[in-house]
C-alpha atoms as a PDB file:
ATOM      1  CA  UNK A   1     -40.063  82.795 -26.955  1.00  0.00           C
ATOM      2  CA  UNK A   2     -38.145  81.886 -30.098  1.00  0.00           C
ATOM      3  CA  UNK A   3     -38.982  78.917 -32.293  1.00  0.00           C
ATOM      4  CA  UNK A   4     -35.524  77.371 -31.729  1.00  0.00           C
ATOM      5  CA  UNK A   5     -36.170  76.078 -28.130  1.00  0.00           C
ATOM      6  CA  UNK A   6     -39.584  74.715 -29.169  1.00  0.00           C
ATOM      7  CA  UNK A   7     -37.999  72.778 -32.044  1.00  0.00           C
ATOM      8  CA  UNK A   8     -35.291  71.424 -29.726  1.00  0.00           C
ATOM      9  CA  UNK A   9     -37.846  70.271 -27.144  1.00  0.00           C
ATOM     10  CA  UNK A  10     -39.978  68.681 -29.876  1.00  0.00           C
ATOM     11  CA  UNK A  11     -36.931  66.899 -31.310  1.00  0.00           C
ATOM     12  CA  UNK A  12     -35.883  65.573 -27.894  1.00  0.00           C
ATOM     13  CA  UNK A  13     -39.426  64.320 -27.211  1.00  0.00           C
ATOM     14  CA  UNK A  14     -39.571  62.623 -30.631  1.00  0.00           C
ATOM     15  CA  UNK A  15     -36.221  60.901 -30.078  1.00  0.00           C
ATOM     16  CA  UNK A  16     -37.207  59.785 -26.558  1.00  0.00           C
ATOM     17  CA  UNK A  17     -40.525  58.488 -27.884  1.00  0.00           C
ATOM     18  CA  UNK A  18     -38.821  56.436 -30.605  1.00  0.00           C
ATOM     19  CA  UNK A  19     -36.379  54.964 -28.059  1.00  0.00           C
ATOM     20  CA  UNK A  20     -39.305  54.007 -25.825  1.00  0.00           C
ATOM     21  CA  UNK A  21     -41.000  52.263 -28.762  1.00  0.00           C
ATOM     22  CA  UNK A  22     -37.788  50.359 -29.540  1.00  0.00           C
ATOM     23  CA  UNK A  23     -37.394  49.398 -25.880  1.00  0.00           C
ATOM     24  CA  UNK A  24     -40.982  48.106 -25.800  1.00  0.00           C
ATOM     25  CA  UNK A  25     -40.285  45.988 -28.904  1.00  0.00           C
ATOM     26  CA  UNK A  26     -37.068  44.620 -27.383  1.00  0.00           C
ATOM     27  CA  UNK A  27     -38.923  43.708 -24.181  1.00  0.00           C
ATOM     28  CA  UNK A  28     -41.297  41.478 -26.183  1.00  0.00           C
ATOM     29  CA  UNK A  29     -38.436  39.379 -27.557  1.00  0.00           C
ATOM     30  CA  UNK A  30     -36.854  36.843 -25.213  1.00  0.00           C
ATOM     31  CA  UNK A  31     -33.224  35.885 -24.983  1.00  0.00           C
ATOM     32  CA  UNK A  32     -32.221  32.300 -25.754  1.00  0.00           C
ATOM     33  CA  UNK A  33     -29.327  29.911 -25.181  1.00  0.00           C
ATOM     34  CA  UNK A  34     -29.195  26.346 -26.527  1.00  0.00           C
ATOM     35  CA  UNK A  35     -26.832  23.475 -27.071  1.00  0.00           C
ATOM     36  CA  UNK A  36     -27.563  21.032 -29.866  1.00  0.00           C
ATOM     37  CA  UNK A  37     -28.386  18.416 -27.203  1.00  0.00           C
ATOM     38  CA  UNK A  38     -31.034  20.592 -25.507  1.00  0.00           C
ATOM     39  CA  UNK A  39     -34.203  18.503 -24.996  1.00  0.00           C
ATOM     40  CA  UNK A  40     -36.472  21.488 -25.669  1.00  0.00           C
ATOM     41  CA  UNK A  41     -35.322  21.780 -29.287  1.00  0.00           C
ATOM     42  CA  UNK A  42     -37.889  20.678 -31.862  1.00  0.00           C
ATOM     43  CA  UNK A  43     -35.994  18.811 -34.600  1.00  0.00           C
ATOM     44  CA  UNK A  44     -37.731  18.479 -37.952  1.00  0.00           C
ATOM     45  CA  UNK A  45     -36.947  16.830 -41.255  1.00  0.00           C
ATOM     46  CA  UNK A  46     -34.929  18.170 -44.165  1.00  0.00           C
ATOM     47  CA  UNK A  47     -35.775  18.409 -47.875  1.00  0.00           C
ATOM     48  CA  UNK A  48     -35.942  14.911 -49.427  1.00  0.00           C
ATOM     49  CA  UNK A  49     -32.738  15.266 -51.491  1.00  0.00           C
ATOM     50  CA  UNK A  50     -30.655  15.588 -48.295  1.00  0.00           C
ATOM     51  CA  UNK A  51     -29.350  12.455 -46.533  1.00  0.00           C
ATOM     52  CA  UNK A  52     -31.565  10.178 -44.462  1.00  0.00           C
ATOM     53  CA  UNK A  53     -31.420  11.211 -40.815  1.00  0.00           C
ATOM     54  CA  UNK A  54     -30.873  14.897 -41.631  1.00  0.00           C
ATOM     55  CA  UNK A  55     -32.629  17.222 -39.173  1.00  0.00           C
ATOM     56  CA  UNK A  56     -33.123  20.949 -38.610  1.00  0.00           C
ATOM     57  CA  UNK A  57     -34.031  22.775 -35.398  1.00  0.00           C
ATOM     58  CA  UNK A  58     -35.097  26.425 -35.551  1.00  0.00           C
ATOM     59  CA  UNK A  59     -33.311  28.409 -32.853  1.00  0.00           C
ATOM     60  CA  UNK A  60     -34.542  31.905 -33.576  1.00  0.00           C
ATOM     61  CA  UNK A  61     -36.868  33.580 -36.022  1.00  0.00           C
ATOM     62  CA  UNK A  62     -39.226  32.213 -38.630  1.00  0.00           C
ATOM     63  CA  UNK A  63     -37.513  30.167 -41.377  1.00  0.00           C
ATOM     64  CA  UNK A  64     -39.999  31.523 -43.935  1.00  0.00           C
ATOM     65  CA  UNK A  65     -38.790  35.081 -43.207  1.00  0.00           C
ATOM     66  CA  UNK A  66     -35.473  36.932 -43.138  1.00  0.00           C
ATOM     67  CA  UNK A  67     -32.896  36.337 -40.382  1.00  0.00           C
ATOM     68  CA  UNK A  68     -33.560  32.847 -39.041  1.00  0.00           C
ATOM     69  CA  UNK A  69     -31.006  30.803 -37.082  1.00  0.00           C
ATOM     70  CA  UNK A  70     -30.982  26.992 -37.191  1.00  0.00           C
ATOM     71  CA  UNK A  71     -29.049  23.926 -36.143  1.00  0.00           C
ATOM     72  CA  UNK A  72     -28.527  21.588 -39.117  1.00  0.00           C
ATOM     73  CA  UNK A  73     -27.618  17.991 -38.250  1.00  0.00           C
ATOM     74  CA  UNK A  74     -26.578  15.037 -40.437  1.00  0.00           C
ATOM     75  CA  UNK A  75     -25.454  11.564 -39.344  1.00  0.00           C
ATOM     76  CA  UNK A  76     -21.765  10.689 -39.229  1.00  0.00           C
ATOM     77  CA  UNK A  77     -20.491   9.637 -42.659  1.00  0.00           C
ATOM     78  CA  UNK A  78     -23.403  11.336 -44.474  1.00  0.00           C
ATOM     79  CA  UNK A  79     -22.870  13.026 -47.841  1.00  0.00           C
ATOM     80  CA  UNK A  80     -24.719  16.277 -48.510  1.00  0.00           C
ATOM     81  CA  UNK A  81     -25.248  16.525 -52.283  1.00  0.00           C
ATOM     82  CA  UNK A  82     -24.562  19.685 -54.293  1.00  0.00           C
ATOM     83  CA  UNK A  83     -27.081  22.413 -53.549  1.00  0.00           C
ATOM     84  CA  UNK A  84     -27.363  26.171 -53.045  1.00  0.00           C
ATOM     85  CA  UNK A  85     -29.322  28.628 -50.915  1.00  0.00           C
ATOM     86  CA  UNK A  86     -31.036  31.885 -51.851  1.00  0.00           C
ATOM     87  CA  UNK A  87     -29.439  33.377 -48.745  1.00  0.00           C
ATOM     88  CA  UNK A  88     -25.851  33.778 -47.701  1.00  0.00           C
ATOM     89  CA  UNK A  89     -24.998  31.501 -44.763  1.00  0.00           C
ATOM     90  CA  UNK A  90     -22.980  32.302 -41.668  1.00  0.00           C
ATOM     91  CA  UNK A  91     -22.021  29.040 -39.995  1.00  0.00           C
ATOM     92  CA  UNK A  92     -20.175  27.583 -37.023  1.00  0.00           C
ATOM     93  CA  UNK A  93     -19.585  23.848 -36.737  1.00  0.00           C
ATOM     94  CA  UNK A  94     -20.763  22.673 -33.328  1.00  0.00           C
ATOM     95  CA  UNK A  95     -20.064  18.928 -33.512  1.00  0.00           C
ATOM     96  CA  UNK A  96     -18.296  16.449 -35.775  1.00  0.00           C
ATOM     97  CA  UNK A  97     -15.966  17.145 -38.688  1.00  0.00           C
ATOM     98  CA  UNK A  98     -17.470  18.536 -41.879  1.00  0.00           C
ATOM     99  CA  UNK A  99     -15.670  18.830 -45.214  1.00  0.00           C
ATOM    100  CA  UNK A 100     -17.377  21.493 -47.314  1.00  0.00           C
ATOM    101  CA  UNK A 101     -16.569  22.268 -50.953  1.00  0.00           C
ATOM    102  CA  UNK A 102     -17.907  25.400 -52.631  1.00  0.00           C
ATOM    103  CA  UNK A 103     -17.903  25.427 -56.437  1.00  0.00           C
ATOM    104  CA  UNK A 104     -14.491  26.497 -57.731  1.00  0.00           C
ATOM    105  CA  UNK A 105     -12.849  26.392 -54.301  1.00  0.00           C
ATOM    106  CA  UNK A 106     -10.770  23.987 -52.232  1.00  0.00           C
ATOM    107  CA  UNK A 107     -12.290  21.751 -49.566  1.00  0.00           C
ATOM    108  CA  UNK A 108     -12.713  23.507 -46.218  1.00  0.00           C
ATOM    109  CA  UNK A 109     -12.300  21.072 -43.299  1.00  0.00           C
ATOM    110  CA  UNK A 110     -14.492  22.369 -40.497  1.00  0.00           C
ATOM    111  CA  UNK A 111     -13.880  21.285 -36.900  1.00  0.00           C
ATOM    112  CA  UNK A 112     -15.958  22.294 -33.866  1.00  0.00           C
ATOM    113  CA  UNK A 113     -15.695  26.044 -33.391  1.00  0.00           C
ATOM    114  CA  UNK A 114     -14.826  26.753 -37.049  1.00  0.00           C
ATOM    115  CA  UNK A 115     -16.644  29.701 -38.645  1.00  0.00           C
ATOM    116  CA  UNK A 116     -17.538  29.495 -42.325  1.00  0.00           C
ATOM    117  CA  UNK A 117     -19.303  31.837 -44.727  1.00  0.00           C
ATOM    118  CA  UNK A 118     -21.177  30.712 -47.820  1.00  0.00           C
ATOM    119  CA  UNK A 119     -22.261  33.277 -50.427  1.00  0.00           C
ATOM    120  CA  UNK A 120     -25.846  33.246 -51.687  1.00  0.00           C
ATOM    121  CA  UNK A 121     -26.539  30.934 -54.642  1.00  0.00           C
ATOM    122  CA  UNK A 122     -23.028  29.441 -54.681  1.00  0.00           C
ATOM    123  CA  UNK A 123     -23.345  25.650 -55.125  1.00  0.00           C
ATOM    124  CA  UNK A 124     -21.644  23.515 -52.510  1.00  0.00           C
ATOM    125  CA  UNK A 125     -21.516  19.969 -51.177  1.00  0.00           C
ATOM    126  CA  UNK A 126     -20.281  18.424 -47.943  1.00  0.00           C
ATOM    127  CA  UNK A 127     -19.339  15.197 -46.181  1.00  0.00           C
ATOM    128  CA  UNK A 128     -19.671  14.579 -42.458  1.00  0.00           C
ATOM    129  CA  UNK A 129     -16.201  13.056 -42.051  1.00  0.00           C
ATOM    130  CA  UNK A 130     -16.736  11.839 -38.490  1.00  0.00           C
ATOM    131  CA  UNK A 131     -18.514   8.891 -36.860  1.00  0.00           C
ATOM    132  CA  UNK A 132     -20.521  11.290 -34.716  1.00  0.00           C
ATOM    133  CA  UNK A 133     -23.207  13.517 -36.264  1.00  0.00           C
ATOM    134  CA  UNK A 134     -22.188  16.841 -37.740  1.00  0.00           C
ATOM    135  CA  UNK A 135     -24.130  19.740 -36.268  1.00  0.00           C
ATOM    136  CA  UNK A 136     -23.834  23.139 -37.874  1.00  0.00           C
ATOM    137  CA  UNK A 137     -25.215  26.427 -36.565  1.00  0.00           C
ATOM    138  CA  UNK A 138     -26.413  28.463 -39.569  1.00  0.00           C
ATOM    139  CA  UNK A 139     -27.630  32.065 -39.620  1.00  0.00           C
ATOM    140  CA  UNK A 140     -29.622  32.760 -42.789  1.00  0.00           C
ATOM    141  CA  UNK A 141     -30.158  36.326 -44.043  1.00  0.00           C
ATOM    142  CA  UNK A 142     -33.125  35.412 -46.280  1.00  0.00           C
ATOM    143  CA  UNK A 143     -35.792  32.727 -45.831  1.00  0.00           C
ATOM    144  CA  UNK A 144     -34.305  29.260 -45.310  1.00  0.00           C
ATOM    145  CA  UNK A 145     -34.153  27.053 -48.400  1.00  0.00           C
ATOM    146  CA  UNK A 146     -31.937  24.423 -50.005  1.00  0.00           C
ATOM    147  CA  UNK A 147     -32.115  23.904 -53.767  1.00  0.00           C
ATOM    148  CA  UNK A 148     -30.478  20.838 -55.336  1.00  0.00           C
ATOM    149  CA  UNK A 149     -28.062  21.759 -58.133  1.00  0.00           C
ATOM    150  CA  UNK A 150     -29.910  19.518 -60.585  1.00  0.00           C
ATOM    151  CA  UNK A 151     -33.211  21.260 -59.717  1.00  0.00           C
ATOM    152  CA  UNK A 152     -35.197  22.827 -62.584  1.00  0.00           C
ATOM    153  CA  UNK A 153     -35.116  26.063 -60.540  1.00  0.00           C
ATOM    154  CA  UNK A 154     -31.548  26.409 -61.799  1.00  0.00           C
ATOM    155  CA  UNK A 155     -29.003  28.651 -60.154  1.00  0.00           C
END
């Protein structure tokens, strides 16, 4: 018997074994579906520099680790002061009307269903320009943070 068929069988078994390990890992994780009004969401407070009434609910992942998804909510009329994040942000406005301004760019008026991308460490500010709360879905690539622009941590 040549070595070629033995190598092929070994390779197939190794690939099948790795797929089984990945399938086991995927089976441990549960699917999820939420609206921002879901009573099972645990809303927590925001950093003190953000407006009174600001809340965050973790939807998926651990906010102290990479790849966490959150709902971010501020009251209608609230102003979000200039800040930046270590991570890039991928966002979709869920409720309200949010005017976001990234440093050096024009105001982006977000309405429900609008996707927005914010680069890492780029300062930005926002105003919830509706009477109802503004709720934003945000997917963070790196651990979740918000650093005020006037922070000694700098940019």
